Protein backbone atom coordinates (compact mmCIF):
# COMPACT_ATOMS: atom_id res chain seq x y z
CA UNK A 1 -6.32 46.48 -29.95
CA UNK A 2 -7.56 46.32 -26.41
CA UNK A 3 -8.87 42.92 -25.34
CA UNK A 4 -12.20 44.54 -24.23
CA UNK A 5 -12.96 45.40 -27.82
CA UNK A 6 -13.06 41.60 -28.74
CA UNK A 7 -16.21 39.47 -28.43
CA UNK A 8 -16.77 35.87 -29.44
CA UNK A 9 -19.66 34.91 -31.65
CA UNK A 10 -21.29 32.91 -28.86
CA UNK A 11 -21.27 35.89 -26.58
CA UNK A 12 -22.51 38.27 -29.30
CA UNK A 13 -25.30 35.86 -30.23
CA UNK A 14 -26.64 35.74 -26.69
CA UNK A 15 -26.83 39.43 -26.55
CA UNK A 16 -28.02 40.53 -30.00
CA UNK A 17 -30.30 43.18 -28.36
CA UNK A 18 -26.99 44.81 -27.19
CA UNK A 19 -25.75 45.15 -31.01
CA UNK A 20 -27.16 47.81 -33.00
CA UNK A 21 -25.51 46.93 -36.23
CA UNK A 22 -23.39 44.08 -37.54
CA UNK A 23 -20.77 45.18 -40.05
CA UNK A 24 -18.95 42.87 -42.47
CA UNK A 25 -15.86 44.62 -43.69
CA UNK A 26 -14.87 41.94 -46.15
CA UNK A 27 -14.96 42.43 -49.88
CA UNK A 28 -18.29 42.41 -51.79
CA UNK A 29 -17.41 38.99 -53.33
CA UNK A 30 -16.78 37.45 -49.91
CA UNK A 31 -19.98 39.04 -48.58
CA UNK A 32 -22.08 37.65 -51.49
CA UNK A 33 -20.81 34.12 -50.89
CA UNK A 34 -22.11 34.12 -47.26
CA UNK A 35 -22.32 36.46 -44.29
CA UNK A 36 -23.70 36.66 -40.72
CA UNK A 37 -27.48 37.17 -41.00
CA UNK A 38 -28.37 40.76 -40.66
CA UNK A 39 -25.01 42.19 -41.41
CA UNK A 40 -24.40 44.98 -43.80
CA UNK A 41 -21.33 45.19 -46.11
CA UNK A 42 -18.88 47.96 -45.64
CA UNK A 43 -15.79 46.66 -47.35
CA UNK A 44 -12.48 48.24 -46.35
CA UNK A 45 -11.04 46.81 -49.53
CA UNK A 46 -12.90 46.26 -52.74
CA UNK A 47 -12.39 42.77 -54.61
CA UNK A 48 -9.99 44.47 -57.00
CA UNK A 49 -8.13 46.13 -54.12
CA UNK A 50 -8.03 42.91 -52.26
CA UNK A 51 -6.42 41.07 -55.21
CA UNK A 52 -3.87 44.00 -55.66
CA UNK A 53 -2.76 43.96 -52.00
CA UNK A 54 -2.67 40.17 -51.92
CA UNK A 55 -0.53 40.09 -55.18
CA UNK A 56 1.96 42.76 -53.70
CA UNK A 57 2.18 40.67 -50.47
CA UNK A 58 3.23 37.49 -52.41
CA UNK A 59 5.26 39.03 -55.19
CA UNK A 60 6.94 42.03 -53.61
CA UNK A 61 6.90 42.11 -49.81
CA UNK A 62 4.54 42.17 -46.87
CA UNK A 63 5.78 45.63 -46.05
CA UNK A 64 4.86 47.07 -49.40
CA UNK A 65 1.53 45.43 -49.31
CA UNK A 66 0.66 46.82 -45.79
CA UNK A 67 1.68 50.33 -46.88
CA UNK A 68 -0.78 50.40 -49.94
CA UNK A 69 -3.39 48.24 -47.86
CA UNK A 70 -3.41 50.77 -45.00
CA UNK A 71 -3.84 53.71 -47.46
CA UNK A 72 -6.83 51.96 -49.08
CA UNK A 73 -8.42 50.79 -45.75
CA UNK A 74 -8.14 54.25 -44.21
CA UNK A 75 -9.73 55.84 -47.37
CA UNK A 76 -12.62 53.35 -47.46
CA UNK A 77 -13.30 53.55 -43.73
CA UNK A 78 -13.42 57.30 -43.91
CA UNK A 79 -15.92 56.96 -46.83
CA UNK A 80 -18.16 54.56 -44.87
CA UNK A 81 -18.12 56.88 -41.72
CA UNK A 82 -19.05 59.94 -43.89
CA UNK A 83 -21.72 58.10 -45.88
CA UNK A 84 -23.19 55.83 -43.28
CA UNK A 85 -22.37 56.59 -39.67
CA UNK A 86 -22.30 60.33 -39.09
CA UNK A 87 -25.90 60.33 -37.72
CA UNK A 88 -25.21 57.55 -35.17
CA UNK A 89 -25.39 58.59 -31.51
CA UNK A 90 -22.51 58.09 -29.01
CA UNK A 91 -24.56 55.06 -27.60
CA UNK A 92 -24.28 53.27 -31.03
CA UNK A 93 -22.94 49.59 -30.59
CA UNK A 94 -21.67 48.19 -33.84
CA UNK A 95 -20.04 44.67 -34.11
CA UNK A 96 -17.49 44.34 -36.83
CA UNK A 97 -15.95 41.29 -38.55
CA UNK A 98 -13.74 40.33 -41.32
CA UNK A 99 -12.60 36.83 -42.50
CA UNK A 100 -10.80 35.85 -39.26
CA UNK A 101 -10.73 38.93 -36.96
CA UNK A 102 -7.52 40.39 -38.40
CA UNK A 103 -6.34 43.72 -39.63
CA UNK A 104 -9.44 44.61 -41.74
CA UNK A 105 -11.95 44.49 -38.91
CA UNK A 106 -9.31 45.56 -36.37
CA UNK A 107 -8.77 48.83 -38.22
CA UNK A 108 -12.38 49.72 -38.40
CA UNK A 109 -13.05 48.74 -34.81
CA UNK A 110 -10.06 50.81 -33.71
CA UNK A 111 -11.20 53.91 -35.49
CA UNK A 112 -14.83 53.71 -34.44
CA UNK A 113 -13.92 53.04 -30.84
CA UNK A 114 -11.46 56.02 -31.06
CA UNK A 115 -14.34 58.29 -32.13
CA UNK A 116 -16.33 57.25 -29.04
CA UNK A 117 -18.69 54.49 -30.18
CA UNK A 118 -18.76 51.15 -28.36
CA UNK A 119 -17.39 49.23 -31.27
CA UNK A 120 -16.54 45.57 -30.82
CA UNK A 121 -14.53 43.21 -33.08
CA UNK A 122 -15.75 39.72 -33.61
CA UNK A 123 -12.99 37.45 -32.32
CA UNK A 124 -12.00 34.98 -35.04
CA UNK A 125 -14.13 36.65 -37.52
CA UNK A 126 -16.45 35.06 -40.04
CA UNK A 127 -14.29 31.86 -39.64
CA UNK A 128 -15.32 31.62 -36.16
CA UNK A 129 -19.07 32.18 -37.19
CA UNK A 130 -18.59 29.31 -39.71
CA UNK A 131 -17.25 26.91 -37.07
CA UNK A 132 -20.29 27.80 -34.85
CA UNK A 133 -22.74 27.13 -37.69
CA UNK A 134 -21.12 23.82 -38.66
CA UNK A 135 -21.25 22.46 -35.07
CA UNK A 136 -24.56 23.86 -34.08
CA UNK A 137 -26.72 22.64 -37.07
CA UNK A 138 -26.28 19.06 -36.11
CA UNK A 139 -26.94 19.89 -32.34
CA UNK A 140 -30.16 21.87 -33.36
CA UNK A 141 -31.36 19.20 -35.77
CA UNK A 142 -31.19 16.46 -33.23
CA UNK A 143 -33.36 18.54 -30.80
CA UNK A 144 -35.91 19.42 -33.67
CA UNK A 145 -39.28 17.74 -33.58
CA UNK A 146 -39.33 16.74 -37.27
CA UNK A 147 -42.19 15.87 -39.41
CA UNK A 148 -41.10 14.69 -42.86
CA UNK A 149 -43.44 15.26 -45.81
CA UNK A 150 -43.40 12.34 -48.22
CA UNK A 151 -44.98 11.46 -51.44
CA UNK A 152 -44.40 10.74 -55.11
CA UNK A 153 -43.23 13.52 -57.49
CA UNK A 154 -46.08 15.94 -58.25
CA UNK A 155 -47.98 15.32 -55.06
CA UNK A 156 -47.47 18.83 -53.93
CA UNK A 157 -45.13 18.51 -50.97
CA UNK A 158 -43.76 21.95 -51.60
CA UNK A 159 -47.20 23.51 -51.85
CA UNK A 160 -48.02 21.96 -48.47
CA UNK A 161 -44.90 23.27 -47.02
CA UNK A 162 -45.86 26.76 -48.13
CA UNK A 163 -49.35 26.43 -46.85
CA UNK A 164 -48.00 25.30 -43.50
CA UNK A 165 -45.75 28.32 -43.39
CA UNK A 166 -48.55 30.70 -44.31
CA UNK A 167 -50.44 29.43 -41.38
CA UNK A 168 -47.69 30.07 -38.86
CA UNK A 169 -46.15 26.60 -38.63
CA UNK A 170 -42.39 26.09 -38.44
CA UNK A 171 -40.95 24.81 -41.77
CA UNK A 172 -37.63 24.44 -43.49
CA UNK A 173 -38.27 24.64 -47.32
CA UNK A 174 -35.04 23.17 -48.56
CA UNK A 175 -35.86 23.52 -52.18
CA UNK A 176 -36.60 27.32 -51.69
CA UNK A 177 -33.38 27.86 -49.92
CA UNK A 178 -31.47 25.96 -52.47
CA UNK A 179 -33.28 27.69 -55.40
CA UNK A 180 -33.68 24.25 -56.81
CA UNK A 181 -36.46 21.58 -57.05
CA UNK A 182 -34.22 18.80 -56.24
CA UNK A 183 -34.17 16.57 -59.29
CA UNK A 184 -32.45 16.40 -62.69
CA UNK A 185 -35.25 18.62 -63.91
CA UNK A 186 -35.08 20.88 -60.85
CA UNK A 187 -32.95 23.62 -61.94
CA UNK A 188 -34.79 26.94 -62.06
CA UNK A 189 -33.97 29.05 -65.25
CA UNK A 190 -33.99 32.40 -63.56
CA UNK A 191 -32.01 31.66 -60.41
CA UNK A 192 -28.64 30.38 -59.86
CA UNK A 193 -28.05 28.36 -56.54
CA UNK A 194 -26.51 30.06 -53.60
CA UNK A 195 -23.23 28.99 -52.18
CA UNK A 196 -23.02 25.94 -49.83
CA UNK A 197 -22.04 28.32 -46.98
CA UNK A 198 -25.12 30.45 -47.67
CA UNK A 199 -27.30 27.52 -47.76
CA UNK A 200 -26.11 26.15 -44.48
CA UNK A 201 -26.26 29.58 -42.86
CA UNK A 202 -29.97 29.92 -43.75
CA UNK A 203 -30.68 26.48 -42.40
CA UNK A 204 -29.01 27.33 -39.22
CA UNK A 205 -30.79 30.74 -38.93
CA UNK A 206 -34.17 28.85 -39.27
CA UNK A 207 -33.31 26.14 -36.75
CA UNK A 208 -32.03 28.79 -34.27
CA UNK A 209 -35.34 30.50 -34.34
CA UNK A 210 -37.62 27.45 -33.72
CA UNK A 211 -39.49 26.14 -30.56
CA UNK A 212 -38.59 22.52 -30.59
CA UNK A 213 -41.67 21.64 -28.45
CA UNK A 214 -43.43 22.25 -31.72
CA UNK A 215 -43.19 20.38 -35.07
CA UNK A 216 -40.75 21.31 -37.73
CA UNK A 217 -42.00 20.34 -41.15
CA UNK A 218 -39.59 19.45 -43.97
CA UNK A 219 -39.87 17.73 -47.29
CA UNK A 220 -38.20 14.39 -47.60
CA UNK A 221 -35.02 15.16 -49.81
CA UNK A 222 -32.06 13.29 -50.97
CA UNK A 223 -28.60 14.32 -49.67
CA UNK A 224 -28.23 16.86 -52.38
CA UNK A 225 -30.56 19.46 -53.73
CA UNK A 226 -29.18 20.41 -57.00
CA UNK A 227 -25.40 21.13 -56.30
CA UNK A 228 -26.00 21.78 -52.59
CA UNK A 229 -25.54 19.26 -49.82
CA UNK A 230 -28.01 19.05 -46.92
CA UNK A 231 -25.91 19.02 -43.65
CA UNK A 232 -25.22 15.43 -42.48
CA UNK A 233 -26.37 16.02 -38.97
CA UNK A 234 -29.69 17.43 -40.29
CA UNK A 235 -30.04 14.63 -42.75
CA UNK A 236 -29.44 11.93 -40.03
CA UNK A 237 -32.21 13.39 -37.80
CA UNK A 238 -34.77 13.87 -40.68
CA UNK A 239 -34.34 10.23 -41.59
CA UNK A 240 -35.43 8.88 -38.32
CA UNK A 241 -38.46 11.14 -37.96
CA UNK A 242 -42.18 10.54 -38.35
CA UNK A 243 -43.53 10.81 -41.89
CA UNK A 244 -46.62 12.33 -43.39
CA UNK A 245 -47.49 10.87 -46.87
CA UNK A 246 -49.26 12.70 -49.62
CA UNK A 247 -51.25 10.86 -52.19
CA UNK A 248 -52.61 12.34 -55.45
CA UNK A 249 -54.21 10.80 -58.59
CA UNK A 250 -51.91 10.66 -61.50
CA UNK A 251 -53.84 13.00 -63.68
CA UNK A 252 -53.72 15.63 -60.90
CA UNK A 253 -49.93 15.19 -60.58
CA UNK A 254 -49.57 15.71 -64.24
CA UNK A 255 -51.63 18.95 -64.00
CA UNK A 256 -49.63 20.20 -61.00
CA UNK A 257 -46.14 19.52 -62.63
CA UNK A 258 -47.37 21.17 -65.82
CA UNK A 259 -48.01 24.28 -63.81
CA UNK A 260 -44.99 24.28 -61.79
CA UNK A 261 -42.64 23.51 -64.77
CA UNK A 262 -43.92 26.07 -67.34
CA UNK A 263 -40.41 27.10 -68.18
CA UNK A 264 -39.86 23.71 -69.85
CA UNK A 265 -43.24 23.82 -71.51
CA UNK A 266 -42.21 26.95 -73.15
CA UNK A 267 -38.54 26.13 -73.80
CA UNK A 268 -38.18 22.59 -75.22
CA UNK A 269 -34.49 23.14 -75.91
CA UNK A 270 -33.82 23.63 -72.32
CA UNK A 271 -36.01 20.52 -71.45
CA UNK A 272 -34.01 18.46 -73.85
CA UNK A 273 -30.68 19.48 -72.55
CA UNK A 274 -31.82 18.35 -69.07
CA UNK A 275 -33.29 15.05 -70.37
CA UNK A 276 -29.90 14.32 -71.80
CA UNK A 277 -28.63 13.93 -68.27
CA UNK A 278 -30.70 10.73 -67.99
CA UNK A 279 -29.11 8.88 -70.88
CA UNK A 280 -26.88 6.90 -68.59
CA UNK A 281 -29.95 5.54 -66.74
CA UNK A 282 -32.53 5.12 -69.58
CA UNK A 283 -30.44 4.97 -72.75
CA UNK A 284 -30.42 7.19 -75.94
CA UNK A 285 -33.49 5.65 -77.51
CA UNK A 286 -35.77 6.38 -74.53
CA UNK A 287 -34.39 9.93 -74.27
CA UNK A 288 -34.95 10.55 -77.91
CA UNK A 289 -38.55 9.35 -77.52
CA UNK A 290 -39.09 11.86 -74.63
CA UNK A 291 -37.40 14.61 -76.49
CA UNK A 292 -39.75 13.97 -79.50
CA UNK A 293 -42.72 14.26 -77.22
CA UNK A 294 -41.55 17.58 -75.90
CA UNK A 295 -41.04 18.89 -79.34
CA UNK A 296 -44.50 17.83 -80.33
CA UNK A 297 -45.86 19.66 -77.30
CA UNK A 298 -47.24 16.51 -75.92
CA UNK A 299 -46.64 17.69 -72.36
CA UNK A 300 -49.03 15.42 -70.52
CA UNK A 301 -47.82 12.35 -72.22
CA UNK A 302 -44.20 13.30 -71.44
CA UNK A 303 -44.85 13.91 -67.75
CA UNK A 304 -46.76 10.60 -67.38
CA UNK A 305 -43.83 8.65 -68.99
CA UNK A 306 -41.34 10.53 -66.77
CA UNK A 307 -43.32 9.84 -63.68
CA UNK A 308 -44.06 6.06 -64.42
CA UNK A 309 -40.67 5.14 -65.80
CA UNK A 310 -38.20 7.33 -63.86
CA UNK A 311 -39.50 9.36 -60.93
CA UNK A 312 -41.81 6.97 -59.26
CA UNK A 313 -39.43 4.04 -59.30
CA UNK A 314 -36.65 6.13 -58.06
CA UNK A 315 -38.73 7.65 -55.36
CA UNK A 316 -39.89 4.23 -54.01
CA UNK A 317 -36.39 2.87 -53.91
CA UNK A 318 -35.00 5.90 -52.21
CA UNK A 319 -37.86 6.58 -49.59
CA UNK A 320 -37.93 2.98 -48.36
CA UNK A 321 -34.16 2.91 -47.97
CA UNK A 322 -33.52 6.40 -46.36
CA UNK A 323 -36.59 7.07 -44.16
CA UNK A 324 -37.06 4.53 -41.44
CA UNK A 325 -40.57 5.53 -40.45
CA UNK A 326 -42.21 5.74 -43.83
CA UNK A 327 -44.13 2.51 -43.53
CA UNK A 328 -45.91 3.96 -40.62
CA UNK A 329 -46.62 7.30 -42.22
CA UNK A 330 -49.84 9.05 -41.74
CA UNK A 331 -51.41 9.05 -45.24
CA UNK A 332 -53.62 11.89 -46.70
CA UNK A 333 -55.51 11.33 -50.05
CA UNK A 334 -55.85 14.62 -51.68
CA UNK A 335 -58.90 15.33 -53.94
CA UNK A 336 -57.10 17.59 -56.30
CA UNK A 337 -53.93 19.84 -56.61
CA UNK A 338 -55.64 23.14 -55.87
CA UNK A 339 -54.25 25.74 -53.56
CA UNK A 340 -57.33 25.50 -51.29
CA UNK A 341 -56.70 21.81 -51.08
CA UNK A 342 -53.28 22.30 -49.54
CA UNK A 343 -54.55 25.09 -47.19
CA UNK A 344 -57.25 22.78 -45.96
CA UNK A 345 -54.65 19.84 -45.45
CA UNK A 346 -52.35 22.17 -43.53
CA UNK A 347 -55.26 23.03 -41.13
CA UNK A 348 -56.10 19.35 -40.83
CA UNK A 349 -52.48 18.54 -39.97
CA UNK A 350 -52.47 21.30 -37.43
CA UNK A 351 -55.83 20.16 -35.79
CA UNK A 352 -54.71 16.61 -35.77
CA UNK A 353 -51.59 17.31 -33.86
CA UNK A 354 -50.07 14.40 -35.49
CA UNK A 355 -47.41 12.63 -33.52
CA UNK A 356 -47.55 14.87 -30.53
C-alpha cells in the first residue's frame, strides 16, 4: 500500500468536503455496535465469515486463514463494486476503514485505487477514530457554554429540551441518545439501549457541530443513564455550569408522568418487575404496597407515593451534591405541563439570554 493512500482521521475530519463516501468494511455486527457518523457498511467479511477466518487463524495456521480470507474478501469487494459503485465517476473520493487500518480496508482501498478512483485508507481505522472521540469529548465539553436544566421528576425537563431544539437551540438530549429515561423506571419497552461506544459517538458528533459562543442545553443527569455512562469529562463540565430550575405543581407532575409512562399503566407486570429493583432501598413491605396500587389501577396514587417517598428525596440529595451552581439557579414556575407551556418557556429562555 502506497503511503499516499493513507490518511489520519484528524486530516480527514478537517476536509470532509473532499470525501464523497465513508466506507466501513467491518462486519455488520461491528458496524452496528458503532461506526463513524455518515459511514455506509460494505463488509468484506460477514459476521460468520469473520468467525470462520479467525478460527482458522487460531486453530490451523495464519497461512490457511489468509488463503480463505483473501478469497472471501475478493468475492465480497467484487459484489460491492458491482452493486454499489459502478456508477461512480473517476473523480469519486471514498474513505475506507476497518478495525485498525489493516488488511480488510487495505484490500478494498487497493482495488478501488487500481480502478482509478481516489480511494484513501483511514490510518489506524476505527480504533484511531475511537481514540479521537475519547480525547475530544472532554476538550469540547470544557469549551461548551452549558446550561443545565434541573427540577424534580415530572417537571418536564425532557419536554423543554425538545422545545428548545425545535426552536433551533443547541441541545444534547442524553435520555434520547441513551434510549432510556434515566431512572429505575426509565427503561423503554420498545427500545434496547445502544452500545456505550455509539452513545459516546453521538455525543461527540453533537458537540463537534456546536457554536460554543451560544448556550448548550442539557438535562441534569447522574453519571449513568440506564446502563450507559456519561463521559467523565462532559459530566465534570456540566456539574460546574449555571442551572435553570423548573418547578411544577405535584398534581401536574402526576399528570405528566402518567402521559409519559403509559407502557407501565397498561402493563402492571412490567411495572412490578421494575419496582422490585427498589426492594433494597425501601423494603419488601413498601414495594408490595406499591405493587398493589398498580394492580388496582390506582396510578395517580402510586405516582404520588413514588415521587414523595423515592424520587424527590433522591433528587434533592443528588442535585445539591453534584451541581455546584444549583442554589443560584434561575427558577421558572410552570402553570401546567402542556406542550404550549414548554414552547413558551423555551421562547422565554431565549429572550432572557440567561447567563450571557
